[in-house]
Amino acid sequence: MKILITGGAGFIGHNLAIYLKNNGFNVEVIDSFERSTTFAIKRLEEADVPAIRISIIETESMRRFFKEADAVIHAAAYVDVAESMEKPLIYLENNVLGTASVVKASLETGVGLLIYLSSAAVYGDPIRLPIDENHPTNPISPYGLSKLMGEEVVRFFSKYGLKQIVLRLFNIYGPGQNAAYAGVITKFFERVRKGLPPIVYGDGEQTRDFIHVDDVAEAVKLVLESACVGEVLNIGSGNPTRIRDLATLVMRLHGVSGEPIYTNERLGDIKHSCADISKARKLLGFKPRINLEHGLKKVLEESY
């Protein structure tokens, strides 16, 4: 089975490519390399995964690669919530128009399945926990809005024969996360590697659902091996973690004493998040295997 991954030199994309390659899939990636890292590119080379420099806006350039693909995994996106608050237009352009371009190329070349990697940011501040797929969508950042609009583009063109599935990913961590555009775990690691306590925005009582990138890759593999199409599925651990507890755990694992530093909360950050993954469990047999402490130990062992 030939798989093409957009954004395949990014954090999620390159880990996904290597995981699928190691599980017997024929994998190729495209990426603009605008926000890729040398770590990701080196890992792709070591895994013998071809990486082609193409922007997702360049529909015509993508066509010849899409023609050869049985499935396309659309992972390309700008992902920094704080940056999206400052530069909303580039997020709408890249994440929404880029998705429309990927959809157009998929339809025109008869791609068998498009897997759109969305985000829990589409839900905004939840009105109930855990969050199921029927929860209202009310993003509070331009990033979340751009991912929701991308979902709408994908769903709209399913009327014209596009076979698609949407995976709403919660807080992903793992090797090779780009510190400049990363989540809280990577930023905590940056501090503790220097012997400094993590900086926590707000009171630290906010919660997140952290999932290792290999568990996300396993969920994608299960989709490729199933007949599941036209669905929206949450992909998370199903377990909430307080940010203050995460900071304490990271400090303990790296041997940093003291207390985290608390500062003002950031615009665009939600208070609580936790996935209801019962639908993915039922339809895919999805079950996260890597608990947070074990996953953090694995990341700490990586050098990047």
Protein backbone atom coordinates (compact mmCIF):
# COMPACT_ATOMS: atom_id res chain seq x y z
CA MET A 1 0.00 0.00 0.00
CA LYS A 2 1.52 3.33 -1.09
CA ILE A 3 1.11 6.15 1.44
CA LEU A 4 1.87 9.83 0.82
CA ILE A 5 2.24 12.16 3.81
CA THR A 6 2.04 15.95 3.49
CA GLY A 7 4.15 17.79 6.02
CA GLY A 8 6.20 14.62 6.23
CA ALA A 9 9.34 16.39 7.45
CA GLY A 10 7.52 17.90 10.40
CA PHE A 11 7.25 16.48 13.89
CA ILE A 12 4.12 14.36 13.46
CA GLY A 13 4.72 13.68 9.77
CA HIS A 14 8.22 12.21 10.03
CA ASN A 15 7.39 10.07 13.06
CA LEU A 16 4.31 8.82 11.25
CA ALA A 17 6.31 8.06 8.10
CA ILE A 18 8.92 6.04 9.98
CA TYR A 19 6.29 4.14 11.99
CA LEU A 20 4.32 3.18 8.88
CA LYS A 21 7.50 2.24 6.99
CA ASN A 22 8.49 -0.02 9.87
CA ASN A 23 5.06 -1.64 9.69
CA GLY A 24 5.35 -2.62 6.04
CA PHE A 25 3.84 0.36 4.21
CA ASN A 26 5.43 1.99 1.16
CA VAL A 27 5.82 5.59 2.33
CA GLU A 28 6.78 8.84 0.62
CA VAL A 29 6.57 12.37 2.03
CA ILE A 30 6.26 15.88 0.66
CA ASP A 31 7.12 19.02 2.60
CA SER A 32 8.05 22.64 1.93
CA PHE A 33 10.86 22.19 4.52
CA GLU A 34 9.95 25.67 5.78
CA ARG A 35 9.60 24.47 9.37
CA SER A 36 11.28 21.09 9.28
CA THR A 37 14.27 20.22 11.45
CA THR A 38 17.59 18.61 10.61
CA PHE A 39 16.65 15.94 13.17
CA ALA A 40 13.52 14.98 11.21
CA ILE A 41 15.27 15.05 7.82
CA LYS A 42 18.11 12.90 9.13
CA ARG A 43 15.68 10.35 10.58
CA LEU A 44 13.82 10.14 7.26
CA GLU A 45 17.10 9.55 5.43
CA GLU A 46 18.12 6.84 7.90
CA ALA A 47 14.74 5.16 7.45
CA ASP A 48 15.06 5.40 3.65
CA VAL A 49 11.84 7.40 3.31
CA PRO A 50 11.89 9.66 0.21
CA ALA A 51 11.18 13.33 0.99
CA ILE A 52 10.26 15.72 -1.84
CA ARG A 53 10.29 19.52 -1.51
CA ILE A 54 6.80 20.70 -2.51
CA SER A 55 4.46 23.23 -0.90
CA ILE A 56 0.89 22.04 -0.40
CA ILE A 57 -0.27 25.22 -2.13
CA GLU A 58 1.29 23.93 -5.37
CA THR A 59 -1.60 21.70 -6.46
CA GLU A 60 -0.22 20.91 -9.89
CA SER A 61 3.18 19.91 -8.49
CA MET A 62 1.51 17.51 -6.06
CA ARG A 63 -0.59 15.75 -8.67
CA ARG A 64 2.02 13.32 -9.98
CA PHE A 65 2.80 12.12 -6.47
CA PHE A 66 -0.87 11.81 -5.54
CA LYS A 67 -1.50 9.68 -8.65
CA GLU A 68 0.73 6.97 -7.23
CA ALA A 69 -0.78 7.02 -3.72
CA ASP A 70 -3.43 4.68 -2.33
CA ALA A 71 -3.92 7.01 0.64
CA VAL A 72 -2.84 10.54 1.56
CA ILE A 73 -2.29 11.62 5.16
CA HIS A 74 -2.58 15.39 5.41
CA ALA A 75 -0.30 16.41 8.30
CA ALA A 76 1.03 19.70 6.90
CA ALA A 77 0.00 22.70 9.02
CA TYR A 78 1.20 25.62 11.04
CA VAL A 79 0.59 24.57 14.66
CA ASP A 80 1.63 27.30 17.10
CA VAL A 81 -1.40 28.69 18.97
CA ALA A 82 0.45 31.77 20.25
CA GLU A 83 1.80 32.58 16.79
CA SER A 84 -1.68 32.20 15.32
CA MET A 85 -2.96 34.91 17.67
CA GLU A 86 -0.33 37.29 16.29
CA LYS A 87 -0.49 36.19 12.63
CA PRO A 88 -3.99 34.82 11.98
CA LEU A 89 -3.95 35.35 8.23
CA ILE A 90 -0.96 33.11 7.55
CA TYR A 91 -2.71 30.34 9.51
CA LEU A 92 -5.87 30.67 7.47
CA GLU A 93 -3.88 30.76 4.24
CA ASN A 94 -1.63 27.81 4.98
CA ASN A 95 -4.00 25.57 6.93
CA VAL A 96 -7.25 26.22 5.07
CA LEU A 97 -6.19 26.99 1.50
CA GLY A 98 -3.46 24.38 1.80
CA THR A 99 -6.06 21.79 2.78
CA ALA A 100 -8.26 22.82 -0.13
CA SER A 101 -5.28 22.30 -2.43
CA VAL A 102 -4.65 18.82 -0.99
CA VAL A 103 -8.33 17.95 -1.39
CA LYS A 104 -8.33 19.14 -5.02
CA ALA A 105 -5.27 17.05 -5.86
CA SER A 106 -6.82 14.04 -4.10
CA LEU A 107 -10.07 14.30 -6.05
CA GLU A 108 -8.40 14.88 -9.41
CA THR A 109 -6.07 11.90 -9.04
CA GLY A 110 -8.55 9.46 -7.49
CA VAL A 111 -6.79 8.98 -4.16
CA GLY A 112 -8.46 6.10 -2.31
CA LEU A 113 -8.51 7.76 1.11
CA LEU A 114 -7.62 11.14 2.60
CA ILE A 115 -6.80 11.15 6.33
CA TYR A 116 -7.03 14.70 7.66
CA LEU A 117 -5.12 15.30 10.89
CA SER A 118 -7.18 17.87 12.77
CA SER A 119 -6.86 19.08 16.36
CA ALA A 120 -8.69 19.14 19.67
CA ALA A 121 -8.32 22.94 19.37
CA VAL A 122 -11.52 22.88 17.29
CA TYR A 123 -13.53 22.32 20.50
CA GLY A 124 -12.31 25.43 22.32
CA ASP A 125 -13.18 25.60 26.02
CA PRO A 126 -15.21 22.45 26.66
CA ILE A 127 -18.65 22.57 28.24
CA ARG A 128 -18.31 18.93 29.37
CA LEU A 129 -15.53 16.44 29.98
CA PRO A 130 -14.37 14.14 28.59
CA ILE A 131 -14.87 15.62 25.13
CA ASP A 132 -16.67 13.38 22.64
CA GLU A 133 -16.92 13.96 18.90
CA ASN A 134 -20.43 15.42 19.24
CA HIS A 135 -19.19 18.17 21.52
CA PRO A 136 -19.84 21.66 20.05
CA THR A 137 -16.94 23.17 18.14
CA ASN A 138 -16.01 26.67 19.29
CA PRO A 139 -12.31 27.39 18.68
CA ILE A 140 -10.75 30.25 20.61
CA SER A 141 -7.59 30.69 18.53
CA PRO A 142 -7.00 31.26 14.81
CA TYR A 143 -5.12 27.94 14.81
CA GLY A 144 -8.19 26.09 16.09
CA LEU A 145 -10.38 27.97 13.61
CA SER A 146 -8.08 27.05 10.72
CA LYS A 147 -8.21 23.35 11.62
CA LEU A 148 -12.00 23.43 11.89
CA MET A 149 -12.30 25.18 8.53
CA GLY A 150 -10.00 22.51 7.09
CA GLU A 151 -12.39 19.86 8.39
CA GLU A 152 -15.28 21.62 6.67
CA VAL A 153 -13.39 21.70 3.37
CA VAL A 154 -12.70 17.96 3.62
CA ARG A 155 -16.30 17.13 4.53
CA PHE A 156 -17.76 19.36 1.83
CA PHE A 157 -15.85 17.64 -0.96
CA SER A 158 -16.86 14.20 0.26
CA LYS A 159 -20.10 15.01 -1.60
CA TYR A 160 -18.06 14.77 -4.80
CA GLY A 161 -16.58 11.36 -4.10
CA LEU A 162 -13.72 12.14 -1.73
CA LYS A 163 -13.27 9.29 0.74
CA GLN A 164 -12.04 10.87 3.94
CA ILE A 165 -11.68 10.52 7.69
CA VAL A 166 -10.91 13.23 10.25
CA LEU A 167 -8.72 12.51 13.27
CA ARG A 168 -8.86 15.13 16.01
CA LEU A 169 -5.50 14.85 17.74
CA PHE A 170 -5.04 15.96 21.33
CA ASN A 171 -1.69 17.05 22.86
CA ILE A 172 1.01 15.10 21.04
CA TYR A 173 4.59 14.70 22.22
CA GLY A 174 7.58 12.64 21.16
CA PRO A 175 11.02 12.74 19.54
CA GLY A 176 11.90 15.58 17.21
CA GLN A 177 9.31 18.10 18.28
CA ASN A 178 10.40 21.49 16.98
CA ALA A 179 10.95 23.72 20.02
CA ALA A 180 10.02 26.85 18.09
CA TYR A 181 6.54 25.55 17.28
CA ALA A 182 6.02 22.95 19.98
CA GLY A 183 3.78 22.17 22.90
CA VAL A 184 4.33 22.51 26.59
CA ILE A 185 6.35 19.31 27.04
CA THR A 186 9.11 20.38 24.64
CA LYS A 187 9.29 23.80 26.26
CA PHE A 188 9.54 22.22 29.69
CA PHE A 189 12.37 19.98 28.43
CA GLU A 190 14.24 23.00 27.07
CA ARG A 191 14.30 24.47 30.56
CA VAL A 192 15.19 21.37 32.58
CA ARG A 193 18.04 20.48 30.21
CA LYS A 194 19.60 23.77 31.32
CA GLY A 195 18.96 22.93 34.97
CA LEU A 196 16.12 25.47 35.13
CA PRO A 197 12.56 24.93 36.40
CA PRO A 198 9.75 24.95 33.80
CA ILE A 199 7.68 28.08 33.26
CA VAL A 200 3.96 27.47 33.75
CA TYR A 201 1.47 29.94 32.26
CA GLY A 202 -1.39 30.48 34.67
CA ASP A 203 -1.93 28.58 37.93
CA GLY A 204 -1.03 25.16 36.52
CA GLU A 205 -4.47 23.75 37.31
CA GLN A 206 -5.32 23.56 33.61
CA THR A 207 -5.38 20.04 32.21
CA ARG A 208 -4.33 18.46 28.92
CA ASP A 209 -4.61 15.02 27.34
CA PHE A 210 -1.08 14.02 26.32
CA ILE A 211 -0.53 11.24 23.78
CA HIS A 212 2.77 9.91 22.45
CA VAL A 213 3.27 10.32 18.71
CA ASP A 214 3.74 6.54 18.29
CA ASP A 215 0.21 6.00 19.64
CA VAL A 216 -1.06 8.55 17.10
CA ALA A 217 0.81 6.66 14.37
CA GLU A 218 -0.78 3.42 15.52
CA ALA A 219 -4.23 5.03 15.23
CA VAL A 220 -3.43 6.08 11.65
CA LYS A 221 -2.24 2.55 10.87
CA LEU A 222 -5.50 1.16 12.20
CA VAL A 223 -7.43 3.54 9.92
CA LEU A 224 -5.42 2.38 6.90
CA GLU A 225 -6.13 -1.24 7.78
CA SER A 226 -9.86 -0.67 8.34
CA ALA A 227 -12.84 0.24 6.20
CA CYS A 228 -13.59 3.24 8.40
CA VAL A 229 -14.41 6.32 6.29
CA GLY A 230 -16.52 9.44 6.69
CA GLU A 231 -15.98 9.56 10.45
CA VAL A 232 -14.58 12.06 12.94
CA LEU A 233 -12.50 10.40 15.66
CA ASN A 234 -10.78 11.73 18.75
CA ILE A 235 -7.22 10.45 19.19
CA GLY A 236 -5.86 11.02 22.68
CA SER A 237 -4.92 9.08 25.79
CA GLY A 238 -8.26 9.56 27.52
CA ASN A 239 -6.45 10.74 30.67
CA PRO A 240 -6.21 14.38 31.88
CA THR A 241 -2.94 15.68 33.35
CA ARG A 242 -2.59 18.94 35.28
CA ILE A 243 0.14 21.18 33.89
CA ARG A 244 1.62 21.69 37.36
CA ASP A 245 1.86 17.90 37.74
CA LEU A 246 3.49 17.62 34.33
CA ALA A 247 6.06 20.26 35.32
CA THR A 248 6.85 18.41 38.55
CA LEU A 249 7.21 15.10 36.71
CA VAL A 250 9.56 16.55 34.08
CA MET A 251 11.68 18.09 36.82
CA ARG A 252 11.86 14.81 38.74
CA LEU A 253 12.80 12.79 35.65
CA HIS A 254 15.62 15.21 34.87
CA GLY A 255 16.77 15.68 38.45
CA VAL A 256 15.90 19.39 38.74
CA SER A 257 14.95 20.50 42.25
CA GLY A 258 12.74 23.36 43.38
CA GLU A 259 9.35 24.48 42.09
CA PRO A 260 8.06 25.51 38.65
CA ILE A 261 7.89 29.23 37.85
CA TYR A 262 4.34 30.54 37.43
CA THR A 263 3.50 33.50 35.20
CA ASN A 264 0.50 35.08 33.46
CA GLU A 265 -1.75 32.82 31.40
CA ARG A 266 -1.66 33.15 27.62
CA LEU A 267 -4.36 34.26 25.21
CA GLY A 268 -5.87 31.41 23.22
CA ASP A 269 -5.13 28.72 25.82
CA ILE A 270 -8.06 26.60 26.96
CA LYS A 271 -8.49 25.64 30.62
CA HIS A 272 -9.23 21.92 30.41
CA SER A 273 -9.05 19.20 27.81
CA CYS A 274 -9.50 15.43 27.88
CA ALA A 275 -10.58 13.14 25.05
CA ASP A 276 -13.38 10.63 25.04
CA ILE A 277 -11.79 7.95 22.82
CA SER A 278 -14.57 5.38 23.05
CA LYS A 279 -15.56 5.88 19.41
CA ALA A 280 -12.01 5.22 18.14
CA ARG A 281 -11.78 2.24 20.47
CA LYS A 282 -15.04 0.83 19.07
CA LEU A 283 -14.42 1.49 15.36
CA LEU A 284 -10.65 0.92 15.19
CA GLY A 285 -9.77 -1.09 18.27
CA PHE A 286 -7.58 1.86 19.26
CA LYS A 287 -5.92 1.63 22.67
CA PRO A 288 -3.02 3.93 23.67
CA ARG A 289 -0.07 1.88 24.90
CA ILE A 290 2.47 4.46 26.15
CA ASN A 291 1.76 6.07 29.52
CA LEU A 292 2.97 9.60 30.15
CA GLU A 293 5.91 8.86 32.47
CA HIS A 294 7.27 6.14 30.18
CA GLY A 295 6.78 8.38 27.14
CA LEU A 296 8.60 11.28 28.81
CA LYS A 297 11.51 9.02 29.70
CA LYS A 298 11.74 7.99 26.05
CA VAL A 299 11.82 11.60 24.90
CA LEU A 300 14.44 12.56 27.49
CA GLU A 301 16.69 9.86 26.07
CA GLU A 302 16.51 11.45 22.62
CA SER A 303 19.08 14.04 21.61
CA TYR A 304 17.88 16.70 19.20
